[in-house]
Amino acid sequence: QAVALGPWAFQRGMEPDVQLCRSELAACSAGPRWAVSLRLVEGLGRYGLRASPVFVTSAIGTLAEALQWDQALALVDAMNIQNLELDVVAFNTTCRACSKAGRWERALMVLGSMRSRRLL
């Protein structure tokens, strides 16, 4: 139910803020709501908000728990396109998503990307 707060608030003339979006993202991590967490990250722009590395890392963590390694990689790529500088925690979480799903070759690619960004 918490995931519906952003659109609900917006429809009632209220401005969703970062704290509301963080609360919604936390609700996603409590269950199998990985697709909703992706929509939250993608929808921040509608509210005039910009994703932070911490926010994106939380979404990646939800994807890791759901074994959605491919979505985690796609989210990292999307954030790179938006010039959001992700930190070592975001890449470690992405690496964990790949590892948990048995995609060790992808995990190694993430490690290589970390090395090229001088995060290792």
N, C-alpha and C. Protein backbone atom coordinates (compact mmCIF):
# COMPACT_ATOMS: atom_id res chain seq x y z
N GLN A 1 0.80 -1.19 0.00
CA GLN A 1 0.00 0.00 0.00
C GLN A 1 0.85 1.26 0.00
N ALA A 2 2.00 1.20 0.65
CA ALA A 2 2.85 2.39 0.72
C ALA A 2 3.32 2.82 -0.65
N VAL A 3 3.42 1.88 -1.58
CA VAL A 3 3.94 2.18 -2.90
C VAL A 3 3.01 3.09 -3.67
N ALA A 4 1.76 3.15 -3.29
CA ALA A 4 0.80 4.00 -3.98
C ALA A 4 0.78 5.42 -3.44
N LEU A 5 1.57 5.73 -2.44
CA LEU A 5 1.52 7.06 -1.82
C LEU A 5 1.95 8.17 -2.75
N GLY A 6 2.98 7.96 -3.55
CA GLY A 6 3.46 9.01 -4.45
C GLY A 6 2.39 9.51 -5.39
N PRO A 7 1.79 8.61 -6.21
CA PRO A 7 0.71 9.07 -7.08
C PRO A 7 -0.48 9.63 -6.31
N TRP A 8 -0.82 9.02 -5.16
CA TRP A 8 -1.93 9.49 -4.33
C TRP A 8 -1.68 10.92 -3.89
N ALA A 9 -0.49 11.18 -3.39
CA ALA A 9 -0.14 12.53 -2.93
C ALA A 9 -0.18 13.52 -4.08
N PHE A 10 0.36 13.13 -5.21
CA PHE A 10 0.42 14.01 -6.37
C PHE A 10 -0.98 14.37 -6.86
N GLN A 11 -1.89 13.38 -6.89
CA GLN A 11 -3.26 13.62 -7.33
C GLN A 11 -4.01 14.57 -6.41
N ARG A 12 -3.61 14.65 -5.17
CA ARG A 12 -4.27 15.52 -4.20
C ARG A 12 -3.57 16.87 -4.05
N GLY A 13 -2.69 17.16 -5.00
CA GLY A 13 -2.02 18.45 -4.99
C GLY A 13 -0.83 18.54 -4.05
N MET A 14 -0.46 17.43 -3.46
CA MET A 14 0.69 17.42 -2.57
C MET A 14 1.92 17.08 -3.38
N GLU A 15 3.05 17.60 -2.99
CA GLU A 15 4.30 17.32 -3.67
C GLU A 15 5.01 16.16 -2.99
N PRO A 16 5.12 15.00 -3.65
CA PRO A 16 5.92 13.93 -3.06
C PRO A 16 7.37 14.40 -2.91
N ASP A 17 7.99 14.02 -1.81
CA ASP A 17 9.38 14.41 -1.59
C ASP A 17 10.26 13.17 -1.50
N VAL A 18 11.52 13.41 -1.30
CA VAL A 18 12.48 12.31 -1.26
C VAL A 18 12.14 11.34 -0.13
N GLN A 19 11.72 11.87 1.01
CA GLN A 19 11.40 11.01 2.16
C GLN A 19 10.24 10.07 1.83
N LEU A 20 9.21 10.58 1.18
CA LEU A 20 8.08 9.75 0.79
C LEU A 20 8.52 8.66 -0.17
N CYS A 21 9.34 9.02 -1.15
CA CYS A 21 9.83 8.03 -2.10
C CYS A 21 10.72 7.00 -1.43
N ARG A 22 11.52 7.41 -0.45
CA ARG A 22 12.35 6.46 0.30
C ARG A 22 11.47 5.48 1.08
N SER A 23 10.39 5.99 1.65
CA SER A 23 9.47 5.12 2.39
C SER A 23 8.84 4.10 1.46
N GLU A 24 8.46 4.55 0.28
CA GLU A 24 7.89 3.63 -0.69
C GLU A 24 8.90 2.57 -1.10
N LEU A 25 10.14 2.99 -1.31
CA LEU A 25 11.18 2.05 -1.70
C LEU A 25 11.44 1.03 -0.59
N ALA A 26 11.41 1.47 0.65
CA ALA A 26 11.59 0.55 1.78
C ALA A 26 10.46 -0.47 1.82
N ALA A 27 9.25 -0.05 1.48
CA ALA A 27 8.13 -0.99 1.43
C ALA A 27 8.34 -2.03 0.34
N CYS A 28 8.98 -1.65 -0.73
CA CYS A 28 9.25 -2.60 -1.82
C CYS A 28 10.22 -3.68 -1.37
N SER A 29 11.18 -3.32 -0.54
CA SER A 29 12.19 -4.28 -0.13
C SER A 29 11.64 -5.31 0.85
N ALA A 30 10.50 -5.03 1.43
CA ALA A 30 9.91 -5.95 2.39
C ALA A 30 9.19 -7.11 1.72
N GLY A 31 9.04 -7.08 0.44
CA GLY A 31 8.34 -8.15 -0.26
C GLY A 31 8.77 -8.23 -1.70
N PRO A 32 8.08 -9.04 -2.46
CA PRO A 32 8.46 -9.23 -3.87
C PRO A 32 7.96 -8.11 -4.76
N ARG A 33 8.40 -6.90 -4.50
CA ARG A 33 7.92 -5.73 -5.23
C ARG A 33 9.02 -5.09 -6.06
N TRP A 34 9.91 -5.90 -6.61
CA TRP A 34 11.07 -5.36 -7.32
C TRP A 34 10.65 -4.49 -8.50
N ALA A 35 9.59 -4.86 -9.21
CA ALA A 35 9.17 -4.06 -10.38
C ALA A 35 8.71 -2.68 -9.93
N VAL A 36 8.07 -2.61 -8.78
CA VAL A 36 7.62 -1.32 -8.27
C VAL A 36 8.82 -0.45 -7.90
N SER A 37 9.86 -1.08 -7.34
CA SER A 37 11.05 -0.30 -6.98
C SER A 37 11.68 0.32 -8.22
N LEU A 38 11.67 -0.41 -9.33
CA LEU A 38 12.18 0.15 -10.58
C LEU A 38 11.34 1.34 -11.03
N ARG A 39 10.03 1.19 -10.96
CA ARG A 39 9.15 2.29 -11.36
C ARG A 39 9.36 3.51 -10.47
N LEU A 40 9.64 3.29 -9.20
CA LEU A 40 9.90 4.42 -8.30
C LEU A 40 11.13 5.20 -8.75
N VAL A 41 12.20 4.48 -9.05
CA VAL A 41 13.43 5.16 -9.49
C VAL A 41 13.18 5.89 -10.80
N GLU A 42 12.51 5.22 -11.72
CA GLU A 42 12.25 5.82 -13.03
C GLU A 42 11.28 7.00 -12.94
N GLY A 43 10.38 6.98 -11.95
CA GLY A 43 9.36 8.02 -11.85
C GLY A 43 9.74 9.23 -11.03
N LEU A 44 10.92 9.24 -10.44
CA LEU A 44 11.32 10.38 -9.62
C LEU A 44 11.26 11.70 -10.39
N GLY A 45 11.63 11.66 -11.66
CA GLY A 45 11.65 12.87 -12.47
C GLY A 45 10.28 13.53 -12.58
N ARG A 46 9.22 12.72 -12.54
CA ARG A 46 7.86 13.29 -12.60
C ARG A 46 7.58 14.19 -11.42
N TYR A 47 8.23 13.93 -10.30
CA TYR A 47 8.03 14.74 -9.11
C TYR A 47 9.11 15.80 -8.95
N GLY A 48 9.94 15.97 -9.98
CA GLY A 48 11.01 16.95 -9.92
C GLY A 48 12.15 16.54 -9.01
N LEU A 49 12.28 15.24 -8.77
CA LEU A 49 13.32 14.72 -7.89
C LEU A 49 14.37 13.99 -8.72
N ARG A 50 15.56 13.91 -8.18
CA ARG A 50 16.65 13.21 -8.85
C ARG A 50 17.10 12.06 -7.94
N ALA A 51 17.33 10.92 -8.55
CA ALA A 51 17.78 9.75 -7.78
C ALA A 51 19.16 10.03 -7.21
N SER A 52 19.35 9.57 -6.00
CA SER A 52 20.67 9.66 -5.37
C SER A 52 21.32 8.28 -5.42
N PRO A 53 22.63 8.22 -5.26
CA PRO A 53 23.28 6.89 -5.22
C PRO A 53 22.69 5.99 -4.14
N VAL A 54 22.34 6.54 -3.00
CA VAL A 54 21.77 5.74 -1.91
C VAL A 54 20.41 5.18 -2.32
N PHE A 55 19.59 6.01 -2.95
CA PHE A 55 18.27 5.58 -3.40
C PHE A 55 18.39 4.46 -4.43
N VAL A 56 19.28 4.66 -5.39
CA VAL A 56 19.47 3.65 -6.44
C VAL A 56 20.03 2.35 -5.85
N THR A 57 20.95 2.47 -4.91
CA THR A 57 21.51 1.29 -4.27
C THR A 57 20.42 0.51 -3.53
N SER A 58 19.49 1.20 -2.91
CA SER A 58 18.37 0.53 -2.25
C SER A 58 17.52 -0.23 -3.26
N ALA A 59 17.27 0.38 -4.40
CA ALA A 59 16.50 -0.30 -5.44
C ALA A 59 17.27 -1.52 -5.96
N ILE A 60 18.57 -1.38 -6.14
CA ILE A 60 19.38 -2.51 -6.60
C ILE A 60 19.35 -3.63 -5.57
N GLY A 61 19.34 -3.28 -4.28
CA GLY A 61 19.24 -4.29 -3.23
C GLY A 61 17.94 -5.07 -3.32
N THR A 62 16.84 -4.39 -3.62
CA THR A 62 15.56 -5.06 -3.82
C THR A 62 15.65 -6.02 -5.00
N LEU A 63 16.31 -5.58 -6.07
CA LEU A 63 16.48 -6.44 -7.24
C LEU A 63 17.36 -7.64 -6.92
N ALA A 64 18.39 -7.43 -6.12
CA ALA A 64 19.28 -8.53 -5.74
C ALA A 64 18.52 -9.59 -4.97
N GLU A 65 17.68 -9.16 -4.04
CA GLU A 65 16.90 -10.11 -3.24
C GLU A 65 15.94 -10.92 -4.11
N ALA A 66 15.46 -10.31 -5.18
CA ALA A 66 14.51 -10.97 -6.08
C ALA A 66 15.22 -11.72 -7.22
N LEU A 67 16.57 -11.78 -7.16
CA LEU A 67 17.38 -12.44 -8.20
C LEU A 67 17.19 -11.82 -9.58
N GLN A 68 16.91 -10.54 -9.62
CA GLN A 68 16.71 -9.80 -10.87
C GLN A 68 18.02 -9.11 -11.27
N TRP A 69 19.05 -9.92 -11.50
CA TRP A 69 20.38 -9.40 -11.82
C TRP A 69 20.37 -8.57 -13.09
N ASP A 70 19.60 -9.00 -14.08
CA ASP A 70 19.57 -8.27 -15.35
C ASP A 70 18.95 -6.88 -15.18
N GLN A 71 17.94 -6.79 -14.34
CA GLN A 71 17.33 -5.49 -14.07
C GLN A 71 18.29 -4.59 -13.28
N ALA A 72 19.06 -5.20 -12.38
CA ALA A 72 20.05 -4.42 -11.62
C ALA A 72 21.09 -3.83 -12.57
N LEU A 73 21.57 -4.64 -13.50
CA LEU A 73 22.54 -4.14 -14.48
C LEU A 73 21.94 -3.04 -15.35
N ALA A 74 20.69 -3.23 -15.75
CA ALA A 74 20.02 -2.21 -16.58
C ALA A 74 19.85 -0.90 -15.81
N LEU A 75 19.57 -1.00 -14.51
CA LEU A 75 19.42 0.20 -13.70
C LEU A 75 20.74 0.94 -13.58
N VAL A 76 21.82 0.21 -13.37
CA VAL A 76 23.15 0.84 -13.32
C VAL A 76 23.45 1.53 -14.65
N ASP A 77 23.15 0.87 -15.76
CA ASP A 77 23.37 1.49 -17.07
C ASP A 77 22.54 2.76 -17.24
N ALA A 78 21.28 2.71 -16.81
CA ALA A 78 20.41 3.88 -16.92
C ALA A 78 20.95 5.04 -16.09
N MET A 79 21.47 4.74 -14.92
CA MET A 79 22.01 5.79 -14.06
C MET A 79 23.29 6.37 -14.66
N ASN A 80 24.07 5.54 -15.34
CA ASN A 80 25.27 6.04 -16.04
C ASN A 80 24.87 7.01 -17.14
N ILE A 81 23.81 6.69 -17.87
CA ILE A 81 23.33 7.56 -18.95
C ILE A 81 22.88 8.90 -18.37
N GLN A 82 22.30 8.87 -17.16
CA GLN A 82 21.84 10.11 -16.51
C GLN A 82 22.97 10.81 -15.75
N ASN A 83 24.19 10.32 -15.92
CA ASN A 83 25.36 10.91 -15.27
C ASN A 83 25.28 10.91 -13.74
N LEU A 84 24.65 9.90 -13.18
CA LEU A 84 24.64 9.75 -11.74
C LEU A 84 25.84 8.91 -11.33
N GLU A 85 26.70 9.49 -10.53
CA GLU A 85 27.92 8.80 -10.09
C GLU A 85 27.58 7.81 -8.98
N LEU A 86 27.53 6.55 -9.32
CA LEU A 86 27.25 5.53 -8.31
C LEU A 86 28.53 5.22 -7.55
N ASP A 87 28.36 4.83 -6.31
CA ASP A 87 29.51 4.56 -5.46
C ASP A 87 29.80 3.06 -5.38
N VAL A 88 30.80 2.74 -4.59
CA VAL A 88 31.24 1.35 -4.48
C VAL A 88 30.13 0.47 -3.91
N VAL A 89 29.30 1.01 -3.05
CA VAL A 89 28.20 0.23 -2.47
C VAL A 89 27.21 -0.18 -3.55
N ALA A 90 26.89 0.73 -4.46
CA ALA A 90 25.96 0.41 -5.54
C ALA A 90 26.52 -0.70 -6.43
N PHE A 91 27.80 -0.61 -6.74
CA PHE A 91 28.40 -1.65 -7.58
C PHE A 91 28.53 -2.97 -6.84
N ASN A 92 28.85 -2.92 -5.55
CA ASN A 92 28.91 -4.16 -4.76
C ASN A 92 27.54 -4.83 -4.70
N THR A 93 26.51 -4.03 -4.55
CA THR A 93 25.15 -4.57 -4.50
C THR A 93 24.77 -5.18 -5.84
N THR A 94 25.18 -4.54 -6.93
CA THR A 94 24.93 -5.09 -8.26
C THR A 94 25.69 -6.40 -8.45
N CYS A 95 26.91 -6.42 -7.98
CA CYS A 95 27.73 -7.63 -8.04
C CYS A 95 27.05 -8.76 -7.25
N ARG A 96 26.52 -8.42 -6.09
CA ARG A 96 25.81 -9.40 -5.26
C ARG A 96 24.57 -9.92 -5.98
N ALA A 97 23.86 -9.04 -6.68
CA ALA A 97 22.67 -9.46 -7.43
C ALA A 97 23.05 -10.52 -8.47
N CYS A 98 24.15 -10.27 -9.16
CA CYS A 98 24.61 -11.22 -10.18
C CYS A 98 25.07 -12.53 -9.53
N SER A 99 25.80 -12.42 -8.45
CA SER A 99 26.32 -13.61 -7.76
C SER A 99 25.20 -14.48 -7.22
N LYS A 100 24.20 -13.85 -6.58
CA LYS A 100 23.09 -14.60 -6.00
C LYS A 100 22.33 -15.37 -7.06
N ALA A 101 22.30 -14.84 -8.27
CA ALA A 101 21.58 -15.50 -9.36
C ALA A 101 22.46 -16.50 -10.11
N GLY A 102 23.69 -16.68 -9.63
CA GLY A 102 24.59 -17.63 -10.29
C GLY A 102 25.20 -17.10 -11.57
N ARG A 103 25.18 -15.81 -11.74
CA ARG A 103 25.75 -15.16 -12.94
C ARG A 103 27.13 -14.61 -12.61
N TRP A 104 28.05 -15.49 -12.28
CA TRP A 104 29.37 -15.07 -11.84
C TRP A 104 30.12 -14.30 -12.91
N GLU A 105 29.88 -14.65 -14.21
CA GLU A 105 30.58 -13.93 -15.28
C GLU A 105 30.14 -12.47 -15.33
N ARG A 106 28.87 -12.22 -15.03
CA ARG A 106 28.37 -10.84 -14.97
C ARG A 106 28.93 -10.13 -13.74
N ALA A 107 29.04 -10.88 -12.64
CA ALA A 107 29.63 -10.30 -11.43
C ALA A 107 31.07 -9.87 -11.70
N LEU A 108 31.80 -10.67 -12.45
CA LEU A 108 33.17 -10.31 -12.81
C LEU A 108 33.20 -9.06 -13.70
N MET A 109 32.22 -8.93 -14.58
CA MET A 109 32.13 -7.72 -15.41
C MET A 109 31.91 -6.48 -14.53
N VAL A 110 31.07 -6.63 -13.52
CA VAL A 110 30.81 -5.50 -12.62
C VAL A 110 32.10 -5.13 -11.88
N LEU A 111 32.83 -6.14 -11.44
CA LEU A 111 34.11 -5.88 -10.77
C LEU A 111 35.08 -5.16 -11.71
N GLY A 112 35.10 -5.57 -12.98
CA GLY A 112 35.94 -4.90 -13.97
C GLY A 112 35.53 -3.45 -14.16
N SER A 113 34.23 -3.21 -14.15
CA SER A 113 33.73 -1.84 -14.27
C SER A 113 34.13 -1.00 -13.06
N MET A 114 34.11 -1.63 -11.89
CA MET A 114 34.53 -0.92 -10.68
C MET A 114 36.01 -0.55 -10.78
N ARG A 115 36.79 -1.47 -11.29
CA ARG A 115 38.23 -1.21 -11.42
C ARG A 115 38.48 -0.06 -12.39
N SER A 116 37.76 -0.05 -13.52
CA SER A 116 37.96 1.02 -14.50
C SER A 116 37.50 2.38 -13.97
N ARG A 117 36.58 2.38 -13.02
CA ARG A 117 36.11 3.63 -12.40
C ARG A 117 36.94 3.99 -11.16
N ARG A 118 37.93 3.19 -10.90
CA ARG A 118 38.83 3.38 -9.75
C ARG A 118 38.06 3.29 -8.41
N LEU A 119 37.11 2.37 -8.37
CA LEU A 119 36.36 2.13 -7.15
C LEU A 119 36.94 0.97 -6.35
N LEU A 120 37.91 0.28 -6.94
CA LEU A 120 38.58 -0.82 -6.24
C LEU A 120 39.99 -0.44 -5.91
